Amino acid sequence: MGRARGLNLAWPVLAAGILTIVGYGPMRRAQGADGVNAMLAGVGLVLAVVVASMWLAARRMVDQDAAARFRTVLAVGVFRFLLTVAAATVVAWRQIVAPGAFLIWTGGAYVIITLVETLALLHWSRRLERSDD
C-alpha cells in the first residue's frame, strides 16, 4: 500500500460542518437539545466512516491503474454503506440519541458527505493519472 499524498480529507469535514451549521437552528427549535445531539451523532457517525474509508481507499489506489482504482472505490463504497447501516442500527436500537432525528440526519448526511467524498476521490484520482504520465 502506498501513501495517499495530496488527498484532501478536508472536503467531507467541510461538508459535515456546513450540514451541522445549517441544521443546528431548525433542530434546536424542533426537538431541543435531544434533536441537536441526534443530529451531531448522525453527522459524526457518517463523517467518521467516510473519512476512514476514504483514507483506506486512497492508500490502496496509489499503486493501481484506473480500472483497479474504480473497483477499489466500488468495494469500499459497499463496505462503507454496510458499516454505516450497522452502526446506525445499533445507535438507533439502543436509543443512545433520539432515533428518528438520528436516522434522518444519518441518511441525509450519508448522501451529501459521500457525494463530496466521491468528488474528492475523483479529483485525487485524476491527479494520480497525471502524475503517472
C-alpha atoms as a PDB file:
ATOM      1  CA  MET A   1       0.000   0.000   0.000  1.00  0.00           C
ATOM      2  CA  GLY A   2       1.199   3.432  -0.900  1.00  0.00           C
ATOM      3  CA  ARG A   3       0.827   6.762   0.787  1.00  0.00           C
ATOM      4  CA  ALA A   4      -2.193   8.883  -0.037  1.00  0.00           C
ATOM      5  CA  ARG A   5      -0.351  12.149  -0.525  1.00  0.00           C
ATOM      6  CA  GLY A   6      -2.370  15.034  -1.820  1.00  0.00           C
ATOM      7  CA  LEU A   7      -5.742  13.577  -0.807  1.00  0.00           C
ATOM      8  CA  ASN A   8      -7.850  16.320   0.677  1.00  0.00           C
ATOM      9  CA  LEU A   9      -9.720  14.871   3.655  1.00  0.00           C
ATOM     10  CA  ALA A  10     -10.993  18.359   4.466  1.00  0.00           C
ATOM     11  CA  TRP A  11     -13.749  18.157   1.829  1.00  0.00           C
ATOM     12  CA  PRO A  12     -16.004  15.771   3.785  1.00  0.00           C
ATOM     13  CA  VAL A  13     -15.174  17.551   7.041  1.00  0.00           C
ATOM     14  CA  LEU A  14     -16.244  20.848   5.479  1.00  0.00           C
ATOM     15  CA  ALA A  15     -19.476  19.277   4.190  1.00  0.00           C
ATOM     16  CA  ALA A  16     -20.237  17.905   7.670  1.00  0.00           C
ATOM     17  CA  GLY A  17     -19.543  21.310   9.196  1.00  0.00           C
ATOM     18  CA  ILE A  18     -21.909  23.032   6.783  1.00  0.00           C
ATOM     19  CA  LEU A  19     -24.621  20.439   7.450  1.00  0.00           C
ATOM     20  CA  THR A  20     -24.232  20.959  11.178  1.00  0.00           C
ATOM     21  CA  ILE A  21     -24.356  24.749  10.934  1.00  0.00           C
ATOM     22  CA  VAL A  22     -27.405  24.699   8.657  1.00  0.00           C
ATOM     23  CA  GLY A  23     -29.228  22.111  10.757  1.00  0.00           C
ATOM     24  CA  TYR A  24     -28.483  23.453  14.219  1.00  0.00           C
ATOM     25  CA  GLY A  25     -31.173  26.141  14.397  1.00  0.00           C
ATOM     26  CA  PRO A  26     -34.051  24.092  12.984  1.00  0.00           C
ATOM     27  CA  MET A  27     -33.181  21.065  15.128  1.00  0.00           C
ATOM     28  CA  ARG A  28     -32.867  23.195  18.245  1.00  0.00           C
ATOM     29  CA  ARG A  29     -36.303  24.730  17.639  1.00  0.00           C
ATOM     30  CA  ALA A  30     -37.979  21.443  16.621  1.00  0.00           C
ATOM     31  CA  GLN A  31     -36.548  18.985  19.144  1.00  0.00           C
ATOM     32  CA  GLY A  32     -34.352  20.917  21.548  1.00  0.00           C
ATOM     33  CA  ALA A  33     -31.058  19.579  22.829  1.00  0.00           C
ATOM     34  CA  ASP A  34     -32.064  15.962  22.132  1.00  0.00           C
ATOM     35  CA  GLY A  35     -32.542  16.774  18.451  1.00  0.00           C
ATOM     36  CA  VAL A  36     -29.226  18.591  18.240  1.00  0.00           C
ATOM     37  CA  ASN A  37     -27.468  15.644  19.906  1.00  0.00           C
ATOM     38  CA  ALA A  38     -29.108  13.261  17.428  1.00  0.00           C
ATOM     39  CA  MET A  39     -28.030  15.470  14.521  1.00  0.00           C
ATOM     40  CA  LEU A  40     -24.448  15.635  15.772  1.00  0.00           C
ATOM     41  CA  ALA A  41     -24.372  11.865  16.316  1.00  0.00           C
ATOM     42  CA  GLY A  42     -25.722  11.154  12.822  1.00  0.00           C
ATOM     43  CA  VAL A  43     -23.374  13.550  11.040  1.00  0.00           C
ATOM     44  CA  GLY A  44     -20.444  12.463  13.221  1.00  0.00           C
ATOM     45  CA  LEU A  45     -21.041   8.777  12.531  1.00  0.00           C
ATOM     46  CA  VAL A  46     -21.161   9.320   8.781  1.00  0.00           C
ATOM     47  CA  LEU A  47     -18.127  11.599   8.822  1.00  0.00           C
ATOM     48  CA  ALA A  48     -16.040   9.088  10.793  1.00  0.00           C
ATOM     49  CA  VAL A  49     -16.942   6.198   8.496  1.00  0.00           C
ATOM     50  CA  VAL A  50     -16.439   8.247   5.316  1.00  0.00           C
ATOM     51  CA  VAL A  51     -13.070   9.721   6.300  1.00  0.00           C
ATOM     52  CA  ALA A  52     -11.754   6.332   7.440  1.00  0.00           C
ATOM     53  CA  SER A  53     -12.938   4.562   4.290  1.00  0.00           C
ATOM     54  CA  MET A  54     -11.721   7.402   2.074  1.00  0.00           C
ATOM     55  CA  TRP A  55      -8.256   7.232   3.580  1.00  0.00           C
ATOM     56  CA  LEU A  56      -8.114   3.434   3.270  1.00  0.00           C
ATOM     57  CA  ALA A  57      -9.338   3.533  -0.337  1.00  0.00           C
ATOM     58  CA  ALA A  58      -6.806   6.184  -1.259  1.00  0.00           C
ATOM     59  CA  ARG A  59      -3.924   4.202   0.240  1.00  0.00           C
ATOM     60  CA  ARG A  60      -4.875   1.209  -1.909  1.00  0.00           C
ATOM     61  CA  MET A  61      -5.437   3.320  -5.024  1.00  0.00           C
ATOM     62  CA  VAL A  62      -1.944   4.830  -5.102  1.00  0.00           C
ATOM     63  CA  ASP A  63      -0.340   1.881  -6.874  1.00  0.00           C
ATOM     64  CA  GLN A  64      -3.327   0.877  -9.030  1.00  0.00           C
ATOM     65  CA  ASP A  65      -4.287   1.583 -12.613  1.00  0.00           C
ATOM     66  CA  ALA A  66      -7.588   3.362 -13.407  1.00  0.00           C
ATOM     67  CA  ALA A  67      -9.665   0.157 -13.671  1.00  0.00           C
ATOM     68  CA  ALA A  68      -8.357  -1.176 -10.361  1.00  0.00           C
ATOM     69  CA  ARG A  69      -8.987   2.197  -8.692  1.00  0.00           C
ATOM     70  CA  PHE A  70     -12.586   2.045  -9.885  1.00  0.00           C
ATOM     71  CA  ARG A  71     -13.021  -1.452  -8.411  1.00  0.00           C
ATOM     72  CA  THR A  72     -11.464  -0.298  -5.156  1.00  0.00           C
ATOM     73  CA  VAL A  73     -13.847   2.636  -4.901  1.00  0.00           C
ATOM     74  CA  LEU A  74     -16.833   0.356  -5.518  1.00  0.00           C
ATOM     75  CA  ALA A  75     -15.693  -2.195  -2.932  1.00  0.00           C
ATOM     76  CA  VAL A  76     -15.008   0.474  -0.335  1.00  0.00           C
ATOM     77  CA  GLY A  77     -18.384   2.066  -1.090  1.00  0.00           C
ATOM     78  CA  VAL A  78     -20.202  -1.184  -0.346  1.00  0.00           C
ATOM     79  CA  PHE A  79     -18.178  -1.694   2.836  1.00  0.00           C
ATOM     80  CA  ARG A  80     -18.813   1.915   3.924  1.00  0.00           C
ATOM     81  CA  PHE A  81     -22.556   1.546   3.344  1.00  0.00           C
ATOM     82  CA  LEU A  82     -22.772  -1.697   5.323  1.00  0.00           C
ATOM     83  CA  LEU A  83     -20.678  -0.286   8.169  1.00  0.00           C
ATOM     84  CA  THR A  84     -22.824   2.853   8.329  1.00  0.00           C
ATOM     85  CA  VAL A  85     -26.056   0.850   8.350  1.00  0.00           C
ATOM     86  CA  ALA A  86     -24.748  -1.492  11.067  1.00  0.00           C
ATOM     87  CA  ALA A  87     -23.519   1.340  13.298  1.00  0.00           C
ATOM     88  CA  ALA A  88     -26.686   3.404  12.775  1.00  0.00           C
ATOM     89  CA  THR A  89     -28.828   0.376  13.610  1.00  0.00           C
ATOM     90  CA  VAL A  90     -27.009  -0.150  16.897  1.00  0.00           C
ATOM     91  CA  VAL A  91     -27.288   3.528  17.865  1.00  0.00           C
ATOM     92  CA  ALA A  92     -30.981   3.702  16.950  1.00  0.00           C
ATOM     93  CA  TRP A  93     -31.860   0.341  18.508  1.00  0.00           C
ATOM     94  CA  ARG A  94     -30.183   1.183  21.797  1.00  0.00           C
ATOM     95  CA  GLN A  95     -31.722   4.682  21.667  1.00  0.00           C
ATOM     96  CA  ILE A  96     -28.443   6.337  22.524  1.00  0.00           C
ATOM     97  CA  VAL A  97     -29.908   9.502  20.978  1.00  0.00           C
ATOM     98  CA  ALA A  98     -33.378  10.308  19.626  1.00  0.00           C
ATOM     99  CA  PRO A  99     -33.715   7.554  16.984  1.00  0.00           C
ATOM    100  CA  GLY A 100     -35.953   9.383  14.499  1.00  0.00           C
ATOM    101  CA  ALA A 101     -33.829  12.501  14.201  1.00  0.00           C
ATOM    102  CA  PHE A 102     -30.649  10.428  14.289  1.00  0.00           C
ATOM    103  CA  LEU A 103     -31.704   8.208  11.378  1.00  0.00           C
ATOM    104  CA  ILE A 104     -32.910  11.151   9.292  1.00  0.00           C
ATOM    105  CA  TRP A 105     -29.646  13.010   9.827  1.00  0.00           C
ATOM    106  CA  THR A 106     -27.583   9.882   9.238  1.00  0.00           C
ATOM    107  CA  GLY A 107     -29.318   9.245   5.911  1.00  0.00           C
ATOM    108  CA  GLY A 108     -29.099  12.857   4.750  1.00  0.00           C
ATOM    109  CA  ALA A 109     -25.502  13.238   5.851  1.00  0.00           C
ATOM    110  CA  TYR A 110     -24.599   9.967   4.151  1.00  0.00           C
ATOM    111  CA  VAL A 111     -25.914  11.178   0.799  1.00  0.00           C
ATOM    112  CA  ILE A 112     -24.229  14.577   0.984  1.00  0.00           C
ATOM    113  CA  ILE A 113     -20.919  13.575   2.552  1.00  0.00           C
ATOM    114  CA  THR A 114     -20.426  10.572   0.258  1.00  0.00           C
ATOM    115  CA  LEU A 115     -21.109  12.823  -2.730  1.00  0.00           C
ATOM    116  CA  VAL A 116     -18.394  15.184  -1.530  1.00  0.00           C
ATOM    117  CA  GLU A 117     -16.096  12.227  -0.820  1.00  0.00           C
ATOM    118  CA  THR A 118     -16.659  10.903  -4.337  1.00  0.00           C
ATOM    119  CA  LEU A 119     -15.740  14.287  -5.805  1.00  0.00           C
ATOM    120  CA  ALA A 120     -12.598  14.432  -3.647  1.00  0.00           C
ATOM    121  CA  LEU A 121     -11.518  10.924  -4.663  1.00  0.00           C
ATOM    122  CA  LEU A 122     -12.241  11.677  -8.319  1.00  0.00           C
ATOM    123  CA  HIS A 123     -10.157  14.843  -8.148  1.00  0.00           C
ATOM    124  CA  TRP A 124      -7.347  12.981  -6.408  1.00  0.00           C
ATOM    125  CA  SER A 125      -7.524  10.046  -8.843  1.00  0.00           C
ATOM    126  CA  ARG A 126      -7.146  12.434 -11.776  1.00  0.00           C
ATOM    127  CA  ARG A 127      -4.076  13.885 -10.091  1.00  0.00           C
ATOM    128  CA  LEU A 128      -2.683  10.353  -9.800  1.00  0.00           C
ATOM    129  CA  GLU A 129      -3.276   9.743 -13.515  1.00  0.00           C
ATOM    130  CA  ARG A 130      -1.477  12.961 -14.434  1.00  0.00           C
ATOM    131  CA  SER A 131       1.479  12.043 -12.224  1.00  0.00           C
ATOM    132  CA  ASP A 132       1.675   8.598 -13.883  1.00  0.00           C
ATOM    133  CA  ASP A 133       2.154  10.187 -17.321  1.00  0.00           C
END
